[in-house]
Amino acid sequence: MPATYSARHQKTMPLWAIGSDFMAYVVTENCIRCKFMDCVEVCPVDCFYVGANMLVIHPDECIDCGVCEPECPAEAIFPDSDDRATAWAEKNRTYASVWPNITRKGEPPADAEEWKDKPGKAELFSTEPGEA
């Protein structure tokens, strides 16, 4: 059963051993140009990956613990069952497989606070990797 294994242990276990009922969280466009990275600090399985102007979550590594969601100052993280996550789920999967893994909080952009509450940032999405 999933609850009997630690999150770190689950990351290295085959899916058949822990069950397939895990749901992933998704980083959405609210993260673009903010990249506060508070979520990275609390993730027990290091499933965040860094792009030039946002983060993504690897859906096969996320264990649906939810600790990242309330930590995000930009309110950019949602469960994949949430309608706000739908448009970003595939981007998270795609770029988590090519961007570098990030395990420590870095410095957000200098103008992150200015971008935090701006809507419609999807057009600013960059496919370029960031620095871990």
N, C-alpha and C. Protein backbone atom coordinates (compact mmCIF):
# COMPACT_ATOMS: atom_id res chain seq x y z
N MET A 1 0.84 -1.19 0.00
CA MET A 1 0.00 0.00 0.00
C MET A 1 0.88 1.24 0.00
N PRO A 2 0.47 2.30 -0.68
CA PRO A 2 1.28 3.50 -0.76
C PRO A 2 1.60 4.13 0.58
N ALA A 3 0.70 4.10 1.51
CA ALA A 3 0.91 4.77 2.78
C ALA A 3 1.98 4.12 3.65
N THR A 4 2.40 2.92 3.34
CA THR A 4 3.38 2.24 4.19
C THR A 4 4.81 2.54 3.78
N TYR A 5 5.03 3.29 2.72
CA TYR A 5 6.37 3.60 2.25
C TYR A 5 6.61 5.09 2.31
N SER A 6 7.83 5.49 2.63
CA SER A 6 8.16 6.91 2.64
C SER A 6 8.13 7.43 1.21
N ALA A 7 8.00 8.75 1.08
CA ALA A 7 7.98 9.37 -0.25
C ALA A 7 9.28 9.10 -1.00
N ARG A 8 10.40 9.17 -0.33
CA ARG A 8 11.69 8.93 -0.99
C ARG A 8 11.77 7.48 -1.48
N HIS A 9 11.23 6.56 -0.69
CA HIS A 9 11.25 5.15 -1.07
C HIS A 9 10.34 4.92 -2.28
N GLN A 10 9.19 5.58 -2.28
CA GLN A 10 8.25 5.41 -3.39
C GLN A 10 8.86 5.86 -4.71
N LYS A 11 9.72 6.88 -4.68
CA LYS A 11 10.31 7.39 -5.92
C LYS A 11 11.16 6.34 -6.61
N THR A 12 11.74 5.45 -5.86
CA THR A 12 12.62 4.44 -6.44
C THR A 12 11.93 3.10 -6.65
N MET A 13 10.69 2.99 -6.22
CA MET A 13 9.97 1.73 -6.35
C MET A 13 9.22 1.68 -7.67
N PRO A 14 9.07 0.51 -8.26
CA PRO A 14 8.27 0.41 -9.48
C PRO A 14 6.80 0.70 -9.18
N LEU A 15 6.12 1.29 -10.15
CA LEU A 15 4.72 1.67 -9.96
C LEU A 15 3.84 0.49 -9.55
N TRP A 16 4.12 -0.70 -10.08
CA TRP A 16 3.29 -1.85 -9.74
C TRP A 16 3.39 -2.19 -8.25
N ALA A 17 4.48 -1.80 -7.61
CA ALA A 17 4.68 -2.13 -6.20
C ALA A 17 3.92 -1.19 -5.27
N ILE A 18 3.62 0.01 -5.72
CA ILE A 18 2.95 0.97 -4.84
C ILE A 18 1.54 1.32 -5.29
N GLY A 19 1.15 0.88 -6.45
CA GLY A 19 -0.19 1.17 -6.96
C GLY A 19 -0.16 2.31 -7.96
N SER A 20 -1.19 2.43 -8.74
CA SER A 20 -1.20 3.45 -9.78
C SER A 20 -2.25 4.53 -9.53
N ASP A 21 -2.66 4.68 -8.27
CA ASP A 21 -3.72 5.64 -7.99
C ASP A 21 -3.19 7.04 -7.67
N PHE A 22 -1.94 7.30 -7.92
CA PHE A 22 -1.37 8.61 -7.65
C PHE A 22 -1.79 9.59 -8.72
N MET A 23 -2.06 10.79 -8.30
CA MET A 23 -2.39 11.87 -9.20
C MET A 23 -1.25 12.88 -9.07
N ALA A 24 -0.92 13.53 -10.13
CA ALA A 24 0.16 14.50 -10.09
C ALA A 24 -0.36 15.92 -9.92
N TYR A 25 0.51 16.78 -9.46
CA TYR A 25 0.24 18.20 -9.44
C TYR A 25 0.86 18.80 -10.69
N VAL A 26 0.37 19.97 -11.09
CA VAL A 26 0.79 20.61 -12.32
C VAL A 26 1.11 22.07 -12.04
N VAL A 27 2.23 22.55 -12.60
CA VAL A 27 2.56 23.97 -12.51
C VAL A 27 1.93 24.65 -13.73
N THR A 28 1.25 25.75 -13.50
CA THR A 28 0.54 26.44 -14.58
C THR A 28 1.18 27.79 -14.90
N GLU A 29 0.56 28.53 -15.80
CA GLU A 29 1.14 29.77 -16.30
C GLU A 29 1.38 30.84 -15.24
N ASN A 30 0.75 30.74 -14.08
CA ASN A 30 1.00 31.72 -13.02
C ASN A 30 2.46 31.75 -12.59
N CYS A 31 3.18 30.67 -12.84
CA CYS A 31 4.60 30.59 -12.48
C CYS A 31 5.49 31.38 -13.43
N ILE A 32 5.02 31.59 -14.64
CA ILE A 32 5.85 32.26 -15.65
C ILE A 32 6.27 33.65 -15.18
N ARG A 33 7.55 33.91 -15.28
CA ARG A 33 8.21 35.16 -14.90
C ARG A 33 8.21 35.40 -13.39
N CYS A 34 7.76 34.41 -12.60
CA CYS A 34 7.79 34.51 -11.14
C CYS A 34 8.85 33.57 -10.58
N LYS A 35 8.64 32.29 -10.80
CA LYS A 35 9.61 31.26 -10.41
C LYS A 35 10.15 31.47 -8.99
N PHE A 36 9.24 31.56 -8.02
CA PHE A 36 9.64 31.79 -6.64
C PHE A 36 10.39 30.60 -6.04
N MET A 37 10.04 29.40 -6.41
CA MET A 37 10.71 28.16 -6.02
C MET A 37 10.53 27.74 -4.57
N ASP A 38 9.58 28.30 -3.86
CA ASP A 38 9.29 27.84 -2.50
C ASP A 38 8.85 26.37 -2.53
N CYS A 39 8.18 25.99 -3.60
CA CYS A 39 7.69 24.62 -3.79
C CYS A 39 8.83 23.60 -3.81
N VAL A 40 9.94 23.99 -4.38
CA VAL A 40 11.10 23.09 -4.50
C VAL A 40 11.61 22.69 -3.13
N GLU A 41 11.60 23.63 -2.21
CA GLU A 41 12.12 23.39 -0.86
C GLU A 41 11.32 22.34 -0.09
N VAL A 42 10.03 22.23 -0.35
CA VAL A 42 9.19 21.32 0.43
C VAL A 42 8.91 19.98 -0.25
N CYS A 43 9.26 19.85 -1.51
CA CYS A 43 8.96 18.62 -2.25
C CYS A 43 9.78 17.44 -1.70
N PRO A 44 9.11 16.39 -1.22
CA PRO A 44 9.85 15.26 -0.65
C PRO A 44 10.46 14.32 -1.69
N VAL A 45 10.09 14.48 -2.96
CA VAL A 45 10.60 13.57 -3.98
C VAL A 45 11.37 14.28 -5.10
N ASP A 46 11.66 15.55 -4.92
CA ASP A 46 12.47 16.31 -5.89
C ASP A 46 11.95 16.16 -7.32
N CYS A 47 10.68 16.42 -7.53
CA CYS A 47 10.08 16.22 -8.86
C CYS A 47 9.93 17.50 -9.66
N PHE A 48 10.60 18.58 -9.25
CA PHE A 48 10.53 19.84 -9.99
C PHE A 48 11.68 19.96 -10.98
N TYR A 49 11.36 20.56 -12.11
CA TYR A 49 12.35 20.78 -13.18
C TYR A 49 12.27 22.24 -13.58
N VAL A 50 13.42 22.81 -13.94
CA VAL A 50 13.49 24.26 -14.12
C VAL A 50 13.70 24.67 -15.58
N GLY A 51 12.84 25.59 -16.00
CA GLY A 51 12.96 26.19 -17.32
C GLY A 51 13.47 27.61 -17.17
N ALA A 52 13.64 28.29 -18.28
CA ALA A 52 14.16 29.66 -18.26
C ALA A 52 13.27 30.60 -17.45
N ASN A 53 11.93 30.42 -17.53
CA ASN A 53 11.08 31.35 -16.80
C ASN A 53 9.95 30.71 -16.00
N MET A 54 10.02 29.39 -15.80
CA MET A 54 9.04 28.72 -14.93
C MET A 54 9.54 27.34 -14.53
N LEU A 55 8.83 26.71 -13.63
CA LEU A 55 9.12 25.35 -13.20
C LEU A 55 8.03 24.43 -13.72
N VAL A 56 8.32 23.13 -13.78
CA VAL A 56 7.30 22.12 -14.08
C VAL A 56 7.49 20.96 -13.12
N ILE A 57 6.47 20.13 -13.01
CA ILE A 57 6.49 18.94 -12.16
C ILE A 57 6.48 17.71 -13.05
N HIS A 58 7.35 16.76 -12.75
CA HIS A 58 7.34 15.50 -13.51
C HIS A 58 6.19 14.65 -12.97
N PRO A 59 5.18 14.37 -13.80
CA PRO A 59 4.00 13.65 -13.30
C PRO A 59 4.26 12.21 -12.87
N ASP A 60 5.32 11.60 -13.38
CA ASP A 60 5.62 10.23 -12.98
C ASP A 60 6.41 10.17 -11.67
N GLU A 61 6.92 11.31 -11.23
CA GLU A 61 7.67 11.38 -9.98
C GLU A 61 6.85 11.97 -8.83
N CYS A 62 5.88 12.80 -9.16
CA CYS A 62 5.02 13.43 -8.16
C CYS A 62 4.17 12.35 -7.47
N ILE A 63 4.11 12.43 -6.15
CA ILE A 63 3.34 11.43 -5.39
C ILE A 63 2.04 11.98 -4.84
N ASP A 64 1.64 13.15 -5.30
CA ASP A 64 0.36 13.75 -4.91
C ASP A 64 0.27 14.03 -3.41
N CYS A 65 1.37 14.42 -2.81
CA CYS A 65 1.32 14.73 -1.38
C CYS A 65 0.71 16.11 -1.16
N GLY A 66 0.82 17.00 -2.15
CA GLY A 66 0.19 18.31 -2.08
C GLY A 66 0.90 19.36 -1.27
N VAL A 67 2.08 19.08 -0.73
CA VAL A 67 2.75 20.07 0.11
C VAL A 67 3.23 21.29 -0.69
N CYS A 68 3.42 21.14 -1.98
CA CYS A 68 3.90 22.25 -2.80
C CYS A 68 2.83 23.30 -3.06
N GLU A 69 1.59 22.87 -3.19
CA GLU A 69 0.50 23.77 -3.60
C GLU A 69 0.36 25.00 -2.71
N PRO A 70 0.26 24.86 -1.38
CA PRO A 70 0.10 26.05 -0.55
C PRO A 70 1.37 26.90 -0.42
N GLU A 71 2.51 26.35 -0.80
CA GLU A 71 3.77 27.08 -0.68
C GLU A 71 4.00 28.06 -1.82
N CYS A 72 3.26 27.93 -2.89
CA CYS A 72 3.48 28.75 -4.08
C CYS A 72 2.87 30.15 -3.92
N PRO A 73 3.71 31.19 -3.83
CA PRO A 73 3.18 32.55 -3.68
C PRO A 73 2.37 33.01 -4.90
N ALA A 74 2.65 32.43 -6.06
CA ALA A 74 1.95 32.82 -7.29
C ALA A 74 0.67 32.00 -7.52
N GLU A 75 0.41 31.06 -6.63
CA GLU A 75 -0.75 30.16 -6.76
C GLU A 75 -0.79 29.53 -8.14
N ALA A 76 0.33 28.92 -8.52
CA ALA A 76 0.49 28.34 -9.85
C ALA A 76 0.36 26.83 -9.88
N ILE A 77 0.20 26.18 -8.73
CA ILE A 77 0.20 24.72 -8.67
C ILE A 77 -1.19 24.19 -8.34
N PHE A 78 -1.64 23.23 -9.17
CA PHE A 78 -2.96 22.64 -9.00
C PHE A 78 -2.88 21.13 -9.22
N PRO A 79 -3.80 20.36 -8.61
CA PRO A 79 -3.86 18.93 -8.92
C PRO A 79 -4.28 18.76 -10.38
N ASP A 80 -3.82 17.69 -11.00
CA ASP A 80 -4.14 17.51 -12.43
C ASP A 80 -5.63 17.29 -12.68
N SER A 81 -6.40 17.05 -11.64
CA SER A 81 -7.85 16.90 -11.79
C SER A 81 -8.56 18.25 -11.84
N ASP A 82 -7.85 19.32 -11.54
CA ASP A 82 -8.42 20.67 -11.55
C ASP A 82 -8.43 21.21 -12.99
N ASP A 83 -9.52 21.81 -13.39
CA ASP A 83 -9.63 22.35 -14.75
C ASP A 83 -8.54 23.35 -15.08
N ARG A 84 -8.03 24.08 -14.08
CA ARG A 84 -6.98 25.07 -14.33
C ARG A 84 -5.66 24.42 -14.72
N ALA A 85 -5.51 23.13 -14.44
CA ALA A 85 -4.27 22.41 -14.75
C ALA A 85 -4.28 21.76 -16.13
N THR A 86 -5.44 21.56 -16.68
CA THR A 86 -5.58 20.79 -17.92
C THR A 86 -4.67 21.26 -19.05
N ALA A 87 -4.66 22.55 -19.32
CA ALA A 87 -3.87 23.08 -20.43
C ALA A 87 -2.36 22.96 -20.21
N TRP A 88 -1.94 22.76 -18.97
CA TRP A 88 -0.51 22.74 -18.65
C TRP A 88 0.03 21.35 -18.32
N ALA A 89 -0.82 20.37 -18.20
CA ALA A 89 -0.38 19.02 -17.83
C ALA A 89 0.62 18.45 -18.84
N GLU A 90 0.34 18.58 -20.11
CA GLU A 90 1.25 18.02 -21.12
C GLU A 90 2.57 18.79 -21.18
N LYS A 91 2.52 20.10 -20.98
CA LYS A 91 3.77 20.88 -20.93
C LYS A 91 4.63 20.42 -19.75
N ASN A 92 4.01 20.15 -18.62
CA ASN A 92 4.76 19.67 -17.46
C ASN A 92 5.44 18.35 -17.80
N ARG A 93 4.70 17.43 -18.40
CA ARG A 93 5.27 16.12 -18.76
C ARG A 93 6.42 16.29 -19.77
N THR A 94 6.19 17.06 -20.81
CA THR A 94 7.18 17.23 -21.87
C THR A 94 8.47 17.86 -21.37
N TYR A 95 8.36 18.98 -20.67
CA TYR A 95 9.56 19.71 -20.28
C TYR A 95 10.25 19.13 -19.05
N ALA A 96 9.53 18.38 -18.23
CA ALA A 96 10.18 17.70 -17.10
C ALA A 96 11.15 16.64 -17.61
N SER A 97 10.95 16.17 -18.82
CA SER A 97 11.85 15.15 -19.37
C SER A 97 13.07 15.75 -20.05
N VAL A 98 13.11 17.07 -20.25
CA VAL A 98 14.27 17.68 -20.91
C VAL A 98 14.94 18.79 -20.10
N TRP A 99 14.23 19.41 -19.18
CA TRP A 99 14.82 20.46 -18.36
C TRP A 99 15.56 19.83 -17.17
N PRO A 100 16.51 20.57 -16.58
CA PRO A 100 17.24 20.03 -15.42
C PRO A 100 16.38 19.96 -14.15
N ASN A 101 16.64 18.94 -13.36
CA ASN A 101 15.98 18.76 -12.07
C ASN A 101 16.51 19.82 -11.11
N ILE A 102 15.62 20.38 -10.32
CA ILE A 102 16.03 21.38 -9.34
C ILE A 102 15.62 20.88 -7.95
N THR A 103 16.56 20.90 -7.02
CA THR A 103 16.31 20.36 -5.68
C THR A 103 16.48 21.40 -4.58
N ARG A 104 16.93 22.59 -4.94
CA ARG A 104 17.11 23.67 -3.96
C ARG A 104 16.53 24.96 -4.51
N LYS A 105 15.97 25.73 -3.62
CA LYS A 105 15.39 27.01 -4.01
C LYS A 105 16.49 27.96 -4.48
N GLY A 106 16.25 28.59 -5.59
CA GLY A 106 17.17 29.60 -6.09
C GLY A 106 16.54 30.98 -5.92
N GLU A 107 17.17 31.97 -6.49
CA GLU A 107 16.65 33.32 -6.43
C GLU A 107 15.59 33.53 -7.51
N PRO A 108 14.43 34.05 -7.15
CA PRO A 108 13.43 34.36 -8.18
C PRO A 108 13.90 35.56 -9.00
N PRO A 109 13.32 35.78 -10.15
CA PRO A 109 13.67 36.97 -10.94
C PRO A 109 13.44 38.24 -10.11
N ALA A 110 14.21 39.26 -10.38
CA ALA A 110 14.12 40.51 -9.63
C ALA A 110 12.73 41.14 -9.71
N ASP A 111 12.03 40.92 -10.83
CA ASP A 111 10.70 41.51 -11.01
C ASP A 111 9.57 40.51 -10.76
N ALA A 112 9.84 39.44 -10.05
CA ALA A 112 8.84 38.38 -9.82
C ALA A 112 7.57 38.92 -9.16
N GLU A 113 7.71 39.77 -8.18
CA GLU A 113 6.53 40.31 -7.49
C GLU A 113 5.63 41.09 -8.45
N GLU A 114 6.24 41.78 -9.40
CA GLU A 114 5.47 42.55 -10.38
C GLU A 114 4.64 41.64 -11.29
N TRP A 115 5.16 40.44 -11.55
CA TRP A 115 4.50 39.50 -12.45
C TRP A 115 3.53 38.55 -11.75
N LYS A 116 3.61 38.48 -10.43
CA LYS A 116 2.88 37.47 -9.67
C LYS A 116 1.39 37.40 -9.97
N ASP A 117 0.72 38.50 -10.05
CA ASP A 117 -0.73 38.49 -10.22
C ASP A 117 -1.19 38.86 -11.63
N LYS A 118 -0.27 38.89 -12.57
CA LYS A 118 -0.65 39.24 -13.94
C LYS A 118 -1.27 38.04 -14.64
N PRO A 119 -2.42 38.22 -15.25
CA PRO A 119 -3.06 37.11 -16.00
C PRO A 119 -2.49 37.00 -17.42
N GLY A 120 -2.80 35.91 -18.08
CA GLY A 120 -2.47 35.75 -19.48
C GLY A 120 -0.99 35.70 -19.80
N LYS A 121 -0.23 34.98 -19.01
CA LYS A 121 1.22 34.91 -19.25
C LYS A 121 1.64 33.75 -20.14
N ALA A 122 0.69 32.96 -20.62
CA ALA A 122 1.02 31.77 -21.42
C ALA A 122 1.88 32.09 -22.63
N GLU A 123 1.64 33.21 -23.26
CA GLU A 123 2.41 33.57 -24.46
C GLU A 123 3.88 33.87 -24.15
N LEU A 124 4.21 34.05 -22.88
CA LEU A 124 5.59 34.31 -22.48
C LEU A 124 6.37 33.04 -22.15
N PHE A 125 5.69 31.89 -22.21
CA PHE A 125 6.33 30.61 -21.90
C PHE A 125 7.56 30.39 -22.78
N SER A 126 8.66 29.99 -22.16
CA SER A 126 9.89 29.69 -22.88
C SER A 126 10.19 28.20 -22.80
N THR A 127 10.57 27.62 -23.91
CA THR A 127 10.94 26.20 -23.94
C THR A 127 12.39 25.98 -23.52
N GLU A 128 13.12 27.05 -23.31
CA GLU A 128 14.53 26.95 -22.94
C GLU A 128 14.68 26.43 -21.52
N PRO A 129 15.70 25.59 -21.29
CA PRO A 129 15.95 25.10 -19.93
C PRO A 129 16.51 26.21 -19.05
N GLY A 130 16.32 26.05 -17.75
CA GLY A 130 16.89 26.98 -16.79
C GLY A 130 18.14 26.37 -16.18
N GLU A 131 18.64 27.01 -15.14
CA GLU A 131 19.82 26.51 -14.45
C GLU A 131 19.41 25.97 -13.09
N ALA A 132 19.83 24.76 -12.81
CA ALA A 132 19.50 24.12 -11.53
C ALA A 132 20.47 24.56 -10.46
